[in-house]
Amino acid sequence: MTTVSMALLSFSVAIAIAIAIAGLGVAATLMLSITERSREIGMLRAIGMSRRRPRRTLTLEAVLLSLAAALVGTALGAGFGSAARSITSTVGIVGGPPLLPVLAALALTVLTGPAG
């Protein structure tokens, strides 16, 4: 294994760990939100809401929150990445962001939010 591939592997592992920690943070925040809203959920159940409806509502809220965060983070990352690439490149911007990993990260972010 070359030094570059070893560095790339180390960087990928570090990113995977950071994503896992961020996912736990999102899940913990959403679980805290559910705990804090238990009275609201109880009141909705008392006035006739079905048992599945609050769960679906909270899941939809988590998906929308995760999607918004993923889109804002991706836009900021792409903007900063292209700015850094244009500053450091002597021949201008070559290529673009890797589309498949970016889409995979977006999907993983949206799926991680409701998992909590």
PDB file of N, CA and C in Angstrom:
ATOM      1  N   MET A   1       0.834  -1.177   0.000  1.00  0.00           N
ATOM      2  CA  MET A   1       0.000   0.000   0.000  1.00  0.00           C
ATOM      3  C   MET A   1       0.881   1.244   0.000  1.00  0.00           C
ATOM      4  N   THR A   2       0.563   2.162  -0.889  1.00  0.00           N
ATOM      5  CA  THR A   2       1.361   3.384  -0.959  1.00  0.00           C
ATOM      6  C   THR A   2       0.989   4.337   0.167  1.00  0.00           C
ATOM      7  N   THR A   3       1.801   5.321   0.329  1.00  0.00           N
ATOM      8  CA  THR A   3       1.560   6.307   1.381  1.00  0.00           C
ATOM      9  C   THR A   3       0.271   7.082   1.120  1.00  0.00           C
ATOM     10  N   VAL A   4       0.017   7.404  -0.141  1.00  0.00           N
ATOM     11  CA  VAL A   4      -1.184   8.159  -0.484  1.00  0.00           C
ATOM     12  C   VAL A   4      -2.445   7.337  -0.208  1.00  0.00           C
ATOM     13  N   SER A   5      -2.429   6.063  -0.598  1.00  0.00           N
ATOM     14  CA  SER A   5      -3.609   5.232  -0.351  1.00  0.00           C
ATOM     15  C   SER A   5      -3.808   4.979   1.137  1.00  0.00           C
ATOM     16  N   MET A   6      -2.729   4.874   1.887  1.00  0.00           N
ATOM     17  CA  MET A   6      -2.829   4.702   3.334  1.00  0.00           C
ATOM     18  C   MET A   6      -3.410   5.966   3.980  1.00  0.00           C
ATOM     19  N   ALA A   7      -2.982   7.119   3.514  1.00  0.00           N
ATOM     20  CA  ALA A   7      -3.514   8.386   4.039  1.00  0.00           C
ATOM     21  C   ALA A   7      -4.987   8.522   3.680  1.00  0.00           C
ATOM     22  N   LEU A   8      -5.363   8.134   2.454  1.00  0.00           N
ATOM     23  CA  LEU A   8      -6.758   8.193   2.037  1.00  0.00           C
ATOM     24  C   LEU A   8      -7.619   7.253   2.876  1.00  0.00           C
ATOM     25  N   LEU A   9      -7.115   6.073   3.154  1.00  0.00           N
ATOM     26  CA  LEU A   9      -7.847   5.122   3.997  1.00  0.00           C
ATOM     27  C   LEU A   9      -8.016   5.673   5.410  1.00  0.00           C
ATOM     28  N   SER A  10      -6.955   6.254   5.960  1.00  0.00           N
ATOM     29  CA  SER A  10      -7.044   6.845   7.309  1.00  0.00           C
ATOM     30  C   SER A  10      -8.048   7.984   7.345  1.00  0.00           C
ATOM     31  N   PHE A  11      -8.041   8.800   6.302  1.00  0.00           N
ATOM     32  CA  PHE A  11      -8.978   9.914   6.217  1.00  0.00           C
ATOM     33  C   PHE A  11     -10.413   9.407   6.110  1.00  0.00           C
ATOM     34  N   SER A  12     -10.619   8.350   5.327  1.00  0.00           N
ATOM     35  CA  SER A  12     -11.963   7.776   5.177  1.00  0.00           C
ATOM     36  C   SER A  12     -12.474   7.198   6.492  1.00  0.00           C
ATOM     37  N   VAL A  13     -11.615   6.546   7.237  1.00  0.00           N
ATOM     38  CA  VAL A  13     -12.005   5.996   8.535  1.00  0.00           C
ATOM     39  C   VAL A  13     -12.354   7.124   9.500  1.00  0.00           C
ATOM     40  N   ALA A  14     -11.556   8.194   9.482  1.00  0.00           N
ATOM     41  CA  ALA A  14     -11.840   9.339  10.357  1.00  0.00           C
ATOM     42  C   ALA A  14     -13.181   9.972  10.006  1.00  0.00           C
ATOM     43  N   ILE A  15     -13.479  10.078   8.733  1.00  0.00           N
ATOM     44  CA  ILE A  15     -14.767  10.637   8.310  1.00  0.00           C
ATOM     45  C   ILE A  15     -15.907   9.725   8.736  1.00  0.00           C
ATOM     46  N   ALA A  16     -15.732   8.412   8.594  1.00  0.00           N
ATOM     47  CA  ALA A  16     -16.778   7.469   9.004  1.00  0.00           C
ATOM     48  C   ALA A  16     -17.054   7.584  10.505  1.00  0.00           C
ATOM     49  N   ILE A  17     -16.016   7.731  11.293  1.00  0.00           N
ATOM     50  CA  ILE A  17     -16.191   7.890  12.743  1.00  0.00           C
ATOM     51  C   ILE A  17     -16.910   9.207  13.043  1.00  0.00           C
ATOM     52  N   ALA A  18     -16.535  10.273  12.342  1.00  0.00           N
ATOM     53  CA  ALA A  18     -17.182  11.569  12.556  1.00  0.00           C
ATOM     54  C   ALA A  18     -18.662  11.509  12.182  1.00  0.00           C
ATOM     55  N   ILE A  19     -18.986  10.805  11.099  1.00  0.00           N
ATOM     56  CA  ILE A  19     -20.384  10.662  10.686  1.00  0.00           C
ATOM     57  C   ILE A  19     -21.171   9.867  11.724  1.00  0.00           C
ATOM     58  N   ALA A  20     -20.557   8.814  12.265  1.00  0.00           N
ATOM     59  CA  ALA A  20     -21.239   8.016  13.286  1.00  0.00           C
ATOM     60  C   ALA A  20     -21.508   8.853  14.535  1.00  0.00           C
ATOM     61  N   ILE A  21     -20.544   9.644  14.950  1.00  0.00           N
ATOM     62  CA  ILE A  21     -20.724  10.491  16.130  1.00  0.00           C
ATOM     63  C   ILE A  21     -21.793  11.549  15.857  1.00  0.00           C
ATOM     64  N   ALA A  22     -21.778  12.139  14.676  1.00  0.00           N
ATOM     65  CA  ALA A  22     -22.799  13.129  14.326  1.00  0.00           C
ATOM     66  C   ALA A  22     -24.184  12.499  14.300  1.00  0.00           C
ATOM     67  N   GLY A  23     -24.268  11.270  13.780  1.00  0.00           N
ATOM     68  CA  GLY A  23     -25.552  10.562  13.762  1.00  0.00           C
ATOM     69  C   GLY A  23     -26.074  10.309  15.162  1.00  0.00           C
ATOM     70  N   LEU A  24     -25.188   9.940  16.069  1.00  0.00           N
ATOM     71  CA  LEU A  24     -25.608   9.745  17.460  1.00  0.00           C
ATOM     72  C   LEU A  24     -26.076  11.057  18.075  1.00  0.00           C
ATOM     73  N   GLY A  25     -25.404  12.148  17.732  1.00  0.00           N
ATOM     74  CA  GLY A  25     -25.823  13.451  18.243  1.00  0.00           C
ATOM     75  C   GLY A  25     -27.200  13.845  17.738  1.00  0.00           C
ATOM     76  N   VAL A  26     -27.454  13.612  16.461  1.00  0.00           N
ATOM     77  CA  VAL A  26     -28.773  13.916  15.892  1.00  0.00           C
ATOM     78  C   VAL A  26     -29.838  13.047  16.546  1.00  0.00           C
ATOM     79  N   ALA A  27     -29.542  11.752  16.683  1.00  0.00           N
ATOM     80  CA  ALA A  27     -30.509  10.839  17.289  1.00  0.00           C
ATOM     81  C   ALA A  27     -30.801  11.231  18.738  1.00  0.00           C
ATOM     82  N   ALA A  28     -29.776  11.589  19.494  1.00  0.00           N
ATOM     83  CA  ALA A  28     -29.973  11.979  20.893  1.00  0.00           C
ATOM     84  C   ALA A  28     -30.799  13.255  20.987  1.00  0.00           C
ATOM     85  N   THR A  29     -30.544  14.202  20.102  1.00  0.00           N
ATOM     86  CA  THR A  29     -31.304  15.452  20.102  1.00  0.00           C
ATOM     87  C   THR A  29     -32.769  15.198  19.793  1.00  0.00           C
ATOM     88  N   LEU A  30     -33.029  14.356  18.811  1.00  0.00           N
ATOM     89  CA  LEU A  30     -34.415  14.057  18.462  1.00  0.00           C
ATOM     90  C   LEU A  30     -35.112  13.261  19.569  1.00  0.00           C
ATOM     91  N   MET A  31     -34.394  12.364  20.228  1.00  0.00           N
ATOM     92  CA  MET A  31     -34.986  11.617  21.341  1.00  0.00           C
ATOM     93  C   MET A  31     -35.325  12.555  22.496  1.00  0.00           C
ATOM     94  N   LEU A  32     -34.467  13.535  22.741  1.00  0.00           N
ATOM     95  CA  LEU A  32     -34.746  14.528  23.776  1.00  0.00           C
ATOM     96  C   LEU A  32     -35.987  15.334  23.412  1.00  0.00           C
ATOM     97  N   SER A  33     -36.124  15.653  22.151  1.00  0.00           N
ATOM     98  CA  SER A  33     -37.299  16.384  21.686  1.00  0.00           C
ATOM     99  C   SER A  33     -38.567  15.574  21.923  1.00  0.00           C
ATOM    100  N   ILE A  34     -38.507  14.283  21.661  1.00  0.00           N
ATOM    101  CA  ILE A  34     -39.669  13.419  21.881  1.00  0.00           C
ATOM    102  C   ILE A  34     -39.998  13.348  23.366  1.00  0.00           C
ATOM    103  N   THR A  35     -38.979  13.222  24.202  1.00  0.00           N
ATOM    104  CA  THR A  35     -39.202  13.153  25.643  1.00  0.00           C
ATOM    105  C   THR A  35     -39.836  14.442  26.160  1.00  0.00           C
ATOM    106  N   GLU A  36     -39.338  15.573  25.659  1.00  0.00           N
ATOM    107  CA  GLU A  36     -39.880  16.859  26.093  1.00  0.00           C
ATOM    108  C   GLU A  36     -41.310  17.065  25.610  1.00  0.00           C
ATOM    109  N   ARG A  37     -41.661  16.429  24.517  1.00  0.00           N
ATOM    110  CA  ARG A  37     -42.994  16.625  23.958  1.00  0.00           C
ATOM    111  C   ARG A  37     -43.968  15.533  24.377  1.00  0.00           C
ATOM    112  N   SER A  38     -43.651  14.799  25.401  1.00  0.00           N
ATOM    113  CA  SER A  38     -44.528  13.696  25.814  1.00  0.00           C
ATOM    114  C   SER A  38     -45.902  14.204  26.267  1.00  0.00           C
ATOM    115  N   ARG A  39     -45.951  15.361  26.913  1.00  0.00           N
ATOM    116  CA  ARG A  39     -47.255  15.921  27.311  1.00  0.00           C
ATOM    117  C   ARG A  39     -48.094  16.277  26.096  1.00  0.00           C
ATOM    118  N   GLU A  40     -47.442  16.865  25.117  1.00  0.00           N
ATOM    119  CA  GLU A  40     -48.150  17.209  23.884  1.00  0.00           C
ATOM    120  C   GLU A  40     -48.694  15.950  23.208  1.00  0.00           C
ATOM    121  N   ILE A  41     -47.879  14.927  23.140  1.00  0.00           N
ATOM    122  CA  ILE A  41     -48.316  13.667  22.531  1.00  0.00           C
ATOM    123  C   ILE A  41     -49.458  13.058  23.343  1.00  0.00           C
ATOM    124  N   GLY A  42     -49.354  13.109  24.678  1.00  0.00           N
ATOM    125  CA  GLY A  42     -50.425  12.597  25.533  1.00  0.00           C
ATOM    126  C   GLY A  42     -51.729  13.345  25.333  1.00  0.00           C
ATOM    127  N   MET A  43     -51.641  14.665  25.193  1.00  0.00           N
ATOM    128  CA  MET A  43     -52.844  15.454  24.968  1.00  0.00           C
ATOM    129  C   MET A  43     -53.481  15.103  23.616  1.00  0.00           C
ATOM    130  N   LEU A  44     -52.650  14.965  22.591  1.00  0.00           N
ATOM    131  CA  LEU A  44     -53.178  14.591  21.278  1.00  0.00           C
ATOM    132  C   LEU A  44     -53.841  13.215  21.313  1.00  0.00           C
ATOM    133  N   ARG A  45     -53.251  12.303  22.060  1.00  0.00           N
ATOM    134  CA  ARG A  45     -53.856  10.971  22.202  1.00  0.00           C
ATOM    135  C   ARG A  45     -55.178  11.066  22.969  1.00  0.00           C
ATOM    136  N   ALA A  46     -55.230  11.968  23.965  1.00  0.00           N
ATOM    137  CA  ALA A  46     -56.443  12.100  24.776  1.00  0.00           C
ATOM    138  C   ALA A  46     -57.608  12.669  23.973  1.00  0.00           C
ATOM    139  N   ILE A  47     -57.313  13.501  22.972  1.00  0.00           N
ATOM    140  CA  ILE A  47     -58.405  14.074  22.191  1.00  0.00           C
ATOM    141  C   ILE A  47     -58.735  13.247  20.948  1.00  0.00           C
ATOM    142  N   GLY A  48     -58.122  12.051  20.857  1.00  0.00           N
ATOM    143  CA  GLY A  48     -58.562  11.129  19.825  1.00  0.00           C
ATOM    144  C   GLY A  48     -57.580  10.773  18.734  1.00  0.00           C
ATOM    145  N   MET A  49     -56.357  11.236  18.805  1.00  0.00           N
ATOM    146  CA  MET A  49     -55.388  10.875  17.775  1.00  0.00           C
ATOM    147  C   MET A  49     -55.011   9.404  17.925  1.00  0.00           C
ATOM    148  N   SER A  50     -54.880   8.722  16.809  1.00  0.00           N
ATOM    149  CA  SER A  50     -54.542   7.295  16.853  1.00  0.00           C
ATOM    150  C   SER A  50     -53.128   7.100  17.386  1.00  0.00           C
ATOM    151  N   ARG A  51     -52.818   5.888  17.760  1.00  0.00           N
ATOM    152  CA  ARG A  51     -51.513   5.573  18.336  1.00  0.00           C
ATOM    153  C   ARG A  51     -50.388   5.734  17.303  1.00  0.00           C
ATOM    154  N   ARG A  52     -50.673   5.470  16.047  1.00  0.00           N
ATOM    155  CA  ARG A  52     -49.656   5.532  15.006  1.00  0.00           C
ATOM    156  C   ARG A  52     -49.381   6.961  14.537  1.00  0.00           C
ATOM    157  N   ARG A  53     -50.359   7.822  14.650  1.00  0.00           N
ATOM    158  CA  ARG A  53     -50.235   9.172  14.092  1.00  0.00           C
ATOM    159  C   ARG A  53     -49.099   9.990  14.715  1.00  0.00           C
ATOM    160  N   PRO A  54     -48.942  10.067  16.055  1.00  0.00           N
ATOM    161  CA  PRO A  54     -47.811  10.840  16.604  1.00  0.00           C
ATOM    162  C   PRO A  54     -46.464  10.278  16.160  1.00  0.00           C
ATOM    163  N   ARG A  55     -46.365   8.971  16.055  1.00  0.00           N
ATOM    164  CA  ARG A  55     -45.117   8.348  15.614  1.00  0.00           C
ATOM    165  C   ARG A  55     -44.802   8.757  14.177  1.00  0.00           C
ATOM    166  N   ARG A  56     -45.825   8.732  13.328  1.00  0.00           N
ATOM    167  CA  ARG A  56     -45.620   9.134  11.931  1.00  0.00           C
ATOM    168  C   ARG A  56     -45.276  10.612  11.830  1.00  0.00           C
ATOM    169  N   THR A  57     -45.917  11.433  12.647  1.00  0.00           N
ATOM    170  CA  THR A  57     -45.645  12.867  12.639  1.00  0.00           C
ATOM    171  C   THR A  57     -44.206  13.151  13.053  1.00  0.00           C
ATOM    172  N   LEU A  58     -43.762  12.504  14.124  1.00  0.00           N
ATOM    173  CA  LEU A  58     -42.393  12.717  14.600  1.00  0.00           C
ATOM    174  C   LEU A  58     -41.369  12.161  13.608  1.00  0.00           C
ATOM    175  N   THR A  59     -41.689  11.050  12.961  1.00  0.00           N
ATOM    176  CA  THR A  59     -40.782  10.503  11.948  1.00  0.00           C
ATOM    177  C   THR A  59     -40.667  11.451  10.761  1.00  0.00           C
ATOM    178  N   LEU A  60     -41.790  11.998  10.320  1.00  0.00           N
ATOM    179  CA  LEU A  60     -41.767  12.957   9.218  1.00  0.00           C
ATOM    180  C   LEU A  60     -40.966  14.202   9.606  1.00  0.00           C
ATOM    181  N   GLU A  61     -41.153  14.670  10.826  1.00  0.00           N
ATOM    182  CA  GLU A  61     -40.391  15.822  11.298  1.00  0.00           C
ATOM    183  C   GLU A  61     -38.899  15.527  11.291  1.00  0.00           C
ATOM    184  N   ALA A  62     -38.520  14.336  11.735  1.00  0.00           N
ATOM    185  CA  ALA A  62     -37.105  13.962  11.756  1.00  0.00           C
ATOM    186  C   ALA A  62     -36.539  13.873  10.340  1.00  0.00           C
ATOM    187  N   VAL A  63     -37.308  13.321   9.411  1.00  0.00           N
ATOM    188  CA  VAL A  63     -36.849  13.222   8.023  1.00  0.00           C
ATOM    189  C   VAL A  63     -36.658  14.611   7.428  1.00  0.00           C
ATOM    190  N   LEU A  64     -37.616  15.502   7.650  1.00  0.00           N
ATOM    191  CA  LEU A  64     -37.510  16.852   7.093  1.00  0.00           C
ATOM    192  C   LEU A  64     -36.347  17.632   7.705  1.00  0.00           C
ATOM    193  N   LEU A  65     -36.152  17.483   9.021  1.00  0.00           N
ATOM    194  CA  LEU A  65     -35.013  18.134   9.677  1.00  0.00           C
ATOM    195  C   LEU A  65     -33.695  17.616   9.127  1.00  0.00           C
ATOM    196  N   SER A  66     -33.597  16.310   8.976  1.00  0.00           N
ATOM    197  CA  SER A  66     -32.371  15.704   8.460  1.00  0.00           C
ATOM    198  C   SER A  66     -32.127  16.126   7.019  1.00  0.00           C
ATOM    199  N   LEU A  67     -33.184  16.167   6.219  1.00  0.00           N
ATOM    200  CA  LEU A  67     -33.041  16.576   4.823  1.00  0.00           C
ATOM    201  C   LEU A  67     -32.583  18.029   4.722  1.00  0.00           C
ATOM    202  N   ALA A  68     -33.174  18.900   5.528  1.00  0.00           N
ATOM    203  CA  ALA A  68     -32.773  20.313   5.507  1.00  0.00           C
ATOM    204  C   ALA A  68     -31.311  20.462   5.927  1.00  0.00           C
ATOM    205  N   ALA A  69     -30.918  19.763   6.982  1.00  0.00           N
ATOM    206  CA  ALA A  69     -29.532  19.841   7.447  1.00  0.00           C
ATOM    207  C   ALA A  69     -28.575  19.287   6.399  1.00  0.00           C
ATOM    208  N   ALA A  70     -28.959  18.179   5.754  1.00  0.00           N
ATOM    209  CA  ALA A  70     -28.098  17.576   4.737  1.00  0.00           C
ATOM    210  C   ALA A  70     -27.932  18.508   3.537  1.00  0.00           C
ATOM    211  N   LEU A  71     -29.012  19.136   3.112  1.00  0.00           N
ATOM    212  CA  LEU A  71     -28.929  20.028   1.955  1.00  0.00           C
ATOM    213  C   LEU A  71     -28.094  21.272   2.261  1.00  0.00           C
ATOM    214  N   VAL A  72     -28.297  21.857   3.448  1.00  0.00           N
ATOM    215  CA  VAL A  72     -27.512  23.037   3.821  1.00  0.00           C
ATOM    216  C   VAL A  72     -26.035  22.665   3.968  1.00  0.00           C
ATOM    217  N   GLY A  73     -25.768  21.546   4.625  1.00  0.00           N
ATOM    218  CA  GLY A  73     -24.379  21.110   4.799  1.00  0.00           C
ATOM    219  C   GLY A  73     -23.704  20.792   3.477  1.00  0.00           C
ATOM    220  N   THR A  74     -24.432  20.150   2.572  1.00  0.00           N
ATOM    221  CA  THR A  74     -23.860  19.829   1.266  1.00  0.00           C
ATOM    222  C   THR A  74     -23.589  21.091   0.460  1.00  0.00           C
ATOM    223  N   ALA A  75     -24.523  22.032   0.499  1.00  0.00           N
ATOM    224  CA  ALA A  75     -24.318  23.282  -0.233  1.00  0.00           C
ATOM    225  C   ALA A  75     -23.116  24.056   0.319  1.00  0.00           C
ATOM    226  N   LEU A  76     -23.022  24.136   1.650  1.00  0.00           N
ATOM    227  CA  LEU A  76     -21.875  24.829   2.246  1.00  0.00           C
ATOM    228  C   LEU A  76     -20.567  24.106   1.937  1.00  0.00           C
ATOM    229  N   GLY A  77     -20.577  22.788   2.033  1.00  0.00           N
ATOM    230  CA  GLY A  77     -19.373  22.010   1.738  1.00  0.00           C
ATOM    231  C   GLY A  77     -18.939  22.154   0.292  1.00  0.00           C
ATOM    232  N   ALA A  78     -19.904  22.109  -0.627  1.00  0.00           N
ATOM    233  CA  ALA A  78     -19.569  22.270  -2.043  1.00  0.00           C
ATOM    234  C   ALA A  78     -19.038  23.677  -2.317  1.00  0.00           C
ATOM    235  N   GLY A  79     -19.659  24.663  -1.682  1.00  0.00           N
ATOM    236  CA  GLY A  79     -19.191  26.033  -1.872  1.00  0.00           C
ATOM    237  C   GLY A  79     -17.785  26.248  -1.344  1.00  0.00           C
ATOM    238  N   PHE A  80     -17.521  25.802  -0.118  1.00  0.00           N
ATOM    239  CA  PHE A  80     -16.190  25.944   0.456  1.00  0.00           C
ATOM    240  C   PHE A  80     -15.169  25.102  -0.301  1.00  0.00           C
ATOM    241  N   GLY A  81     -15.595  23.907  -0.727  1.00  0.00           N
ATOM    242  CA  GLY A  81     -14.680  23.042  -1.477  1.00  0.00           C
ATOM    243  C   GLY A  81     -14.280  23.649  -2.808  1.00  0.00           C
ATOM    244  N   SER A  82     -15.245  24.192  -3.522  1.00  0.00           N
ATOM    245  CA  SER A  82     -14.904  24.793  -4.815  1.00  0.00           C
ATOM    246  C   SER A  82     -14.094  26.067  -4.626  1.00  0.00           C
ATOM    247  N   ALA A  83     -14.366  26.819  -3.569  1.00  0.00           N
ATOM    248  CA  ALA A  83     -13.567  28.020  -3.297  1.00  0.00           C
ATOM    249  C   ALA A  83     -12.129  27.641  -2.973  1.00  0.00           C
ATOM    250  N   ALA A  84     -11.951  26.627  -2.151  1.00  0.00           N
ATOM    251  CA  ALA A  84     -10.601  26.188  -1.802  1.00  0.00           C
ATOM    252  C   ALA A  84      -9.876  25.637  -3.019  1.00  0.00           C
ATOM    253  N   ARG A  85     -10.602  24.893  -3.853  1.00  0.00           N
ATOM    254  CA  ARG A  85      -9.982  24.307  -5.041  1.00  0.00           C
ATOM    255  C   ARG A  85      -9.586  25.404  -6.033  1.00  0.00           C
ATOM    256  N   SER A  86     -10.431  26.439  -6.168  1.00  0.00           N
ATOM    257  CA  SER A  86     -10.096  27.505  -7.114  1.00  0.00           C
ATOM    258  C   SER A  86      -8.939  28.364  -6.608  1.00  0.00           C
ATOM    259  N   ILE A  87      -8.814  28.474  -5.292  1.00  0.00           N
ATOM    260  CA  ILE A  87      -7.705  29.262  -4.733  1.00  0.00           C
ATOM    261  C   ILE A  87      -6.386  28.516  -4.890  1.00  0.00           C
ATOM    262  N   THR A  88      -6.401  27.215  -4.642  1.00  0.00           N
ATOM    263  CA  THR A  88      -5.159  26.443  -4.642  1.00  0.00           C
ATOM    264  C   THR A  88      -4.779  25.910  -6.002  1.00  0.00           C
ATOM    265  N   SER A  89      -5.700  25.893  -6.953  1.00  0.00           N
ATOM    266  CA  SER A  89      -5.411  25.332  -8.267  1.00  0.00           C
ATOM    267  C   SER A  89      -4.768  26.387  -9.160  1.00  0.00           C
ATOM    268  N   THR A  90      -3.770  25.971  -9.904  1.00  0.00           N
ATOM    269  CA  THR A  90      -3.108  26.895 -10.822  1.00  0.00           C
ATOM    270  C   THR A  90      -3.741  26.868 -12.210  1.00  0.00           C
ATOM    271  N   VAL A  91      -4.541  25.835 -12.495  1.00  0.00           N
ATOM    272  CA  VAL A  91      -5.159  25.729 -13.817  1.00  0.00           C
ATOM    273  C   VAL A  91      -6.658  25.953 -13.757  1.00  0.00           C
ATOM    274  N   GLY A  92      -7.182  26.411 -12.654  1.00  0.00           N
ATOM    275  CA  GLY A  92      -8.621  26.628 -12.519  1.00  0.00           C
ATOM    276  C   GLY A  92      -9.299  25.384 -11.966  1.00  0.00           C
ATOM    277  N   ILE A  93     -10.601  25.421 -11.936  1.00  0.00           N
ATOM    278  CA  ILE A  93     -11.372  24.309 -11.379  1.00  0.00           C
ATOM    279  C   ILE A  93     -11.412  23.174 -12.387  1.00  0.00           C
ATOM    280  N   VAL A  94     -10.972  22.017 -11.961  1.00  0.00           N
ATOM    281  CA  VAL A  94     -10.971  20.835 -12.811  1.00  0.00           C
ATOM    282  C   VAL A  94     -11.945  19.836 -12.216  1.00  0.00           C
ATOM    283  N   GLY A  95     -12.949  19.432 -12.976  1.00  0.00           N
ATOM    284  CA  GLY A  95     -13.918  18.466 -12.473  1.00  0.00           C
ATOM    285  C   GLY A  95     -14.850  19.096 -11.458  1.00  0.00           C
ATOM    286  N   GLY A  96     -15.559  18.253 -10.765  1.00  0.00           N
ATOM    287  CA  GLY A  96     -16.497  18.721  -9.752  1.00  0.00           C
ATOM    288  C   GLY A  96     -16.472  17.791  -8.560  1.00  0.00           C
ATOM    289  N   PRO A  97     -17.400  17.963  -7.652  1.00  0.00           N
ATOM    290  CA  PRO A  97     -17.429  17.073  -6.488  1.00  0.00           C
ATOM    291  C   PRO A  97     -17.817  15.669  -6.917  1.00  0.00           C
ATOM    292  N   PRO A  98     -17.339  14.662  -6.211  1.00  0.00           N
ATOM    293  CA  PRO A  98     -17.701  13.284  -6.545  1.00  0.00           C
ATOM    294  C   PRO A  98     -19.190  13.066  -6.268  1.00  0.00           C
ATOM    295  N   LEU A  99     -19.976  12.890  -7.299  1.00  0.00           N
ATOM    296  CA  LEU A  99     -21.429  12.880  -7.180  1.00  0.00           C
ATOM    297  C   LEU A  99     -21.952  11.702  -6.363  1.00  0.00           C
ATOM    298  N   LEU A 100     -21.442  10.503  -6.611  1.00  0.00           N
ATOM    299  CA  LEU A 100     -21.957   9.322  -5.921  1.00  0.00           C
ATOM    300  C   LEU A 100     -21.730   9.382  -4.402  1.00  0.00           C
ATOM    301  N   PRO A 101     -20.523   9.718  -3.922  1.00  0.00           N
ATOM    302  CA  PRO A 101     -20.352   9.832  -2.465  1.00  0.00           C
ATOM    303  C   PRO A 101     -21.197  10.944  -1.846  1.00  0.00           C
ATOM    304  N   VAL A 102     -21.384  12.035  -2.581  1.00  0.00           N
ATOM    305  CA  VAL A 102     -22.206  13.130  -2.054  1.00  0.00           C
ATOM    306  C   VAL A 102     -23.653  12.673  -1.907  1.00  0.00           C
ATOM    307  N   LEU A 103     -24.185  11.999  -2.917  1.00  0.00           N
ATOM    308  CA  LEU A 103     -25.554  11.488  -2.838  1.00  0.00           C
ATOM    309  C   LEU A 103     -25.692  10.424  -1.751  1.00  0.00           C
ATOM    310  N   ALA A 104     -24.671   9.577  -1.596  1.00  0.00           N
ATOM    311  CA  ALA A 104     -24.696   8.564  -0.541  1.00  0.00           C
ATOM    312  C   ALA A 104     -24.710   9.220   0.836  1.00  0.00           C
ATOM    313  N   ALA A 105     -23.928  10.277   1.006  1.00  0.00           N
ATOM    314  CA  ALA A 105     -23.903  10.991   2.288  1.00  0.00           C
ATOM    315  C   ALA A 105     -25.246  11.659   2.565  1.00  0.00           C
ATOM    316  N   LEU A 106     -25.861  12.228   1.528  1.00  0.00           N
ATOM    317  CA  LEU A 106     -27.189  12.824   1.695  1.00  0.00           C
ATOM    318  C   LEU A 106     -28.203  11.772   2.131  1.00  0.00           C
ATOM    319  N   ALA A 107     -28.206  10.639   1.451  1.00  0.00           N
ATOM    320  CA  ALA A 107     -29.159   9.567   1.800  1.00  0.00           C
ATOM    321  C   ALA A 107     -28.910   9.055   3.215  1.00  0.00           C
ATOM    322  N   LEU A 108     -27.655   8.872   3.574  1.00  0.00           N
ATOM    323  CA  LEU A 108     -27.332   8.386   4.916  1.00  0.00           C
ATOM    324  C   LEU A 108     -27.764   9.388   5.981  1.00  0.00           C
ATOM    325  N   THR A 109     -27.601  10.665   5.702  1.00  0.00           N
ATOM    326  CA  THR A 109     -28.021  11.693   6.654  1.00  0.00           C
ATOM    327  C   THR A 109     -29.519  11.686   6.857  1.00  0.00           C
ATOM    328  N   VAL A 110     -30.271  11.579   5.759  1.00  0.00           N
ATOM    329  CA  VAL A 110     -31.732  11.585   5.857  1.00  0.00           C
ATOM    330  C   VAL A 110     -32.226  10.320   6.565  1.00  0.00           C
ATOM    331  N   LEU A 111     -31.553   9.198   6.354  1.00  0.00           N
ATOM    332  CA  LEU A 111     -31.978   7.962   7.012  1.00  0.00           C
ATOM    333  C   LEU A 111     -31.549   7.892   8.476  1.00  0.00           C
ATOM    334  N   THR A 112     -30.511   8.620   8.834  1.00  0.00           N
ATOM    335  CA  THR A 112     -30.013   8.590  10.215  1.00  0.00           C
ATOM    336  C   THR A 112     -30.930   9.359  11.155  1.00  0.00           C
ATOM    337  N   GLY A 113     -31.501  10.453  10.708  1.00  0.00           N
ATOM    338  CA  GLY A 113     -32.353  11.288  11.558  1.00  0.00           C
ATOM    339  C   GLY A 113     -33.499  10.535  12.198  1.00  0.00           C
ATOM    340  N   PRO A 114     -34.338   9.837  11.428  1.00  0.00           N
ATOM    341  CA  PRO A 114     -35.469   9.122  12.037  1.00  0.00           C
ATOM    342  C   PRO A 114     -35.051   7.867  12.791  1.00  0.00           C
ATOM    343  N   ALA A 115     -33.809   7.431  12.665  1.00  0.00           N
ATOM    344  CA  ALA A 115     -33.398   6.205  13.355  1.00  0.00           C
ATOM    345  C   ALA A 115     -33.385   6.391  14.868  1.00  0.00           C
ATOM    346  N   GLY A 116     -33.248   7.635  15.311  1.00  0.00           N
ATOM    347  CA  GLY A 116     -33.227   7.898  16.744  1.00  0.00           C
ATOM    348  C   GLY A 116     -34.567   7.873  17.271  1.00  0.00           C
TER     349      GLY A 116
END
